[in-house]
Amino acid sequence: MKLSHAILTASAVAIGALAIVEAGRMQPPAFADTASLGAGGFTLITSSTGQGPDEAPYETLYVLDNRGEMLLVYGIDSGNNRRLALRAGASLPALFRAARGG
């Protein structure tokens, strides 16, 4: 495994852990049992948004593409179709550059 891949993987895990910690401060709490590292270099993490009915709260799906170095955020549209919709997407290197102030 190349050093850059190891750093990217460690960064993805750190971002996921931070998201879970921050989500834990909101109601209802988020659980990390839905995180999954799949084949092909993708990591999937779901978390509750804290909105929606108590019996079926709205959730967000975070997709980390380790090969393409992208973070994609999906959510469920609240209309009648209730379809999965892309909410945001960003390049991981660009996010880390911005976080370093560069």
C-alpha atoms as a PDB file:
ATOM      1  CA  MET A   1       0.000   0.000   0.000  1.00  0.00           C
ATOM      2  CA  LYS A   2       1.408   3.365  -0.959  1.00  0.00           C
ATOM      3  CA  LEU A   3       1.992   5.967   1.730  1.00  0.00           C
ATOM      4  CA  SER A   4      -0.509   8.325   0.098  1.00  0.00           C
ATOM      5  CA  HIS A   5      -3.220   5.620   0.217  1.00  0.00           C
ATOM      6  CA  ALA A   6      -2.458   4.914   3.859  1.00  0.00           C
ATOM      7  CA  ILE A   7      -2.689   8.611   4.702  1.00  0.00           C
ATOM      8  CA  LEU A   8      -5.944   8.946   2.748  1.00  0.00           C
ATOM      9  CA  THR A   9      -7.448   5.925   4.499  1.00  0.00           C
ATOM     10  CA  ALA A  10      -6.398   7.209   7.918  1.00  0.00           C
ATOM     11  CA  SER A  11      -7.861  10.617   7.078  1.00  0.00           C
ATOM     12  CA  ALA A  12     -11.159   9.040   5.991  1.00  0.00           C
ATOM     13  CA  VAL A  13     -11.378   7.123   9.263  1.00  0.00           C
ATOM     14  CA  ALA A  14     -10.587  10.306  11.227  1.00  0.00           C
ATOM     15  CA  ILE A  15     -13.283  12.277   9.357  1.00  0.00           C
ATOM     16  CA  GLY A  16     -15.791   9.492   9.963  1.00  0.00           C
ATOM     17  CA  ALA A  17     -14.939   9.356  13.668  1.00  0.00           C
ATOM     18  CA  LEU A  18     -15.238  13.127  13.958  1.00  0.00           C
ATOM     19  CA  ALA A  19     -18.634  13.065  12.220  1.00  0.00           C
ATOM     20  CA  ILE A  20     -19.845  10.390  14.630  1.00  0.00           C
ATOM     21  CA  VAL A  21     -18.597  12.311  17.683  1.00  0.00           C
ATOM     22  CA  GLU A  22     -20.236  15.536  16.501  1.00  0.00           C
ATOM     23  CA  ALA A  23     -23.475  13.726  15.630  1.00  0.00           C
ATOM     24  CA  GLY A  24     -23.489  12.292  19.157  1.00  0.00           C
ATOM     25  CA  ARG A  25     -23.976  15.798  20.512  1.00  0.00           C
ATOM     26  CA  MET A  26     -27.292  16.109  18.649  1.00  0.00           C
ATOM     27  CA  GLN A  27     -30.584  14.330  19.359  1.00  0.00           C
ATOM     28  CA  PRO A  28     -31.131  11.503  18.487  1.00  0.00           C
ATOM     29  CA  PRO A  29     -27.668   9.923  18.822  1.00  0.00           C
ATOM     30  CA  ALA A  30     -25.942   8.415  15.783  1.00  0.00           C
ATOM     31  CA  PHE A  31     -24.649   4.860  15.831  1.00  0.00           C
ATOM     32  CA  ALA A  32     -21.520   3.713  13.998  1.00  0.00           C
ATOM     33  CA  ASP A  33     -22.758   0.178  13.441  1.00  0.00           C
ATOM     34  CA  THR A  34     -23.865   1.168   9.940  1.00  0.00           C
ATOM     35  CA  ALA A  35     -20.332   2.004   8.734  1.00  0.00           C
ATOM     36  CA  SER A  36     -19.016  -0.419   6.164  1.00  0.00           C
ATOM     37  CA  LEU A  37     -15.748  -0.730   4.272  1.00  0.00           C
ATOM     38  CA  GLY A  38     -16.592  -2.377   0.988  1.00  0.00           C
ATOM     39  CA  ALA A  39     -14.651  -3.762  -1.907  1.00  0.00           C
ATOM     40  CA  GLY A  40     -13.262  -1.400  -4.465  1.00  0.00           C
ATOM     41  CA  GLY A  41     -12.079   1.283  -2.076  1.00  0.00           C
ATOM     42  CA  PHE A  42     -15.425   2.689  -0.937  1.00  0.00           C
ATOM     43  CA  THR A  43     -16.403   3.469   2.652  1.00  0.00           C
ATOM     44  CA  LEU A  44     -20.093   4.016   3.466  1.00  0.00           C
ATOM     45  CA  ILE A  45     -21.296   5.733   6.633  1.00  0.00           C
ATOM     46  CA  THR A  46     -24.866   6.604   7.552  1.00  0.00           C
ATOM     47  CA  SER A  47     -26.003   8.961  10.272  1.00  0.00           C
ATOM     48  CA  SER A  48     -29.274  10.442  11.415  1.00  0.00           C
ATOM     49  CA  THR A  49     -29.896  14.100  10.587  1.00  0.00           C
ATOM     50  CA  GLY A  50     -31.945  14.630  13.754  1.00  0.00           C
ATOM     51  CA  GLN A  51     -34.980  15.474  11.629  1.00  0.00           C
ATOM     52  CA  GLY A  52     -38.063  13.541  10.649  1.00  0.00           C
ATOM     53  CA  PRO A  53     -40.429  11.356  12.668  1.00  0.00           C
ATOM     54  CA  ASP A  54     -39.093   9.518  15.731  1.00  0.00           C
ATOM     55  CA  GLU A  55     -39.956   6.096  14.296  1.00  0.00           C
ATOM     56  CA  ALA A  56     -38.093   6.758  11.001  1.00  0.00           C
ATOM     57  CA  PRO A  57     -35.677   9.702  11.270  1.00  0.00           C
ATOM     58  CA  TYR A  58     -34.067  11.067   8.121  1.00  0.00           C
ATOM     59  CA  GLU A  59     -30.561   9.814   7.462  1.00  0.00           C
ATOM     60  CA  THR A  60     -27.559  10.956   5.465  1.00  0.00           C
ATOM     61  CA  LEU A  61     -25.226   8.633   3.556  1.00  0.00           C
ATOM     62  CA  TYR A  62     -21.550   9.596   3.334  1.00  0.00           C
ATOM     63  CA  VAL A  63     -19.564   7.844   0.603  1.00  0.00           C
ATOM     64  CA  LEU A  64     -15.766   8.012   0.678  1.00  0.00           C
ATOM     65  CA  ASP A  65     -14.243   6.993  -2.655  1.00  0.00           C
ATOM     66  CA  ASN A  66     -10.627   6.175  -1.818  1.00  0.00           C
ATOM     67  CA  ARG A  67      -9.619   5.633  -5.451  1.00  0.00           C
ATOM     68  CA  GLY A  68     -11.218   8.784  -6.840  1.00  0.00           C
ATOM     69  CA  GLU A  69     -10.411  10.723  -3.648  1.00  0.00           C
ATOM     70  CA  MET A  70     -13.957  12.063  -3.368  1.00  0.00           C
ATOM     71  CA  LEU A  71     -16.467  12.587  -0.549  1.00  0.00           C
ATOM     72  CA  LEU A  72     -20.112  12.337  -1.631  1.00  0.00           C
ATOM     73  CA  VAL A  73     -23.078  13.118   0.640  1.00  0.00           C
ATOM     74  CA  TYR A  74     -26.527  11.729  -0.150  1.00  0.00           C
ATOM     75  CA  GLY A  75     -29.901  12.322   1.503  1.00  0.00           C
ATOM     76  CA  ILE A  76     -33.535  11.315   0.998  1.00  0.00           C
ATOM     77  CA  ASP A  77     -35.793  13.843  -0.711  1.00  0.00           C
ATOM     78  CA  SER A  78     -38.746  14.718   1.513  1.00  0.00           C
ATOM     79  CA  GLY A  79     -41.278  14.751  -1.353  1.00  0.00           C
ATOM     80  CA  ASN A  80     -43.679  11.981  -2.333  1.00  0.00           C
ATOM     81  CA  ASN A  81     -41.019  10.093  -4.325  1.00  0.00           C
ATOM     82  CA  ARG A  82     -38.587   9.839  -1.374  1.00  0.00           C
ATOM     83  CA  ARG A  83     -35.628   9.191  -3.638  1.00  0.00           C
ATOM     84  CA  LEU A  84     -31.922   9.264  -2.850  1.00  0.00           C
ATOM     85  CA  ALA A  85     -30.413  12.586  -3.934  1.00  0.00           C
ATOM     86  CA  LEU A  86     -26.849  13.856  -4.062  1.00  0.00           C
ATOM     87  CA  ARG A  87     -26.534  16.702  -1.512  1.00  0.00           C
ATOM     88  CA  ALA A  88     -22.845  17.548  -1.887  1.00  0.00           C
ATOM     89  CA  GLY A  89     -19.601  16.266  -3.299  1.00  0.00           C
ATOM     90  CA  ALA A  90     -16.016  17.410  -2.929  1.00  0.00           C
ATOM     91  CA  SER A  91     -12.474  16.407  -3.681  1.00  0.00           C
ATOM     92  CA  LEU A  92     -10.755  15.108  -0.539  1.00  0.00           C
ATOM     93  CA  PRO A  93      -7.385  16.721  -1.396  1.00  0.00           C
ATOM     94  CA  ALA A  94      -9.158  20.060  -1.885  1.00  0.00           C
ATOM     95  CA  LEU A  95     -10.968  19.679   1.455  1.00  0.00           C
ATOM     96  CA  PHE A  96      -7.726  18.946   3.265  1.00  0.00           C
ATOM     97  CA  ARG A  97      -5.979  21.901   1.557  1.00  0.00           C
ATOM     98  CA  ALA A  98      -8.835  24.182   2.638  1.00  0.00           C
ATOM     99  CA  ALA A  99      -8.668  22.814   6.190  1.00  0.00           C
ATOM    100  CA  ARG A 100      -4.957  23.629   6.323  1.00  0.00           C
ATOM    101  CA  GLY A 101      -5.751  27.163   5.147  1.00  0.00           C
ATOM    102  CA  GLY A 102      -4.201  26.713   1.706  1.00  0.00           C
END
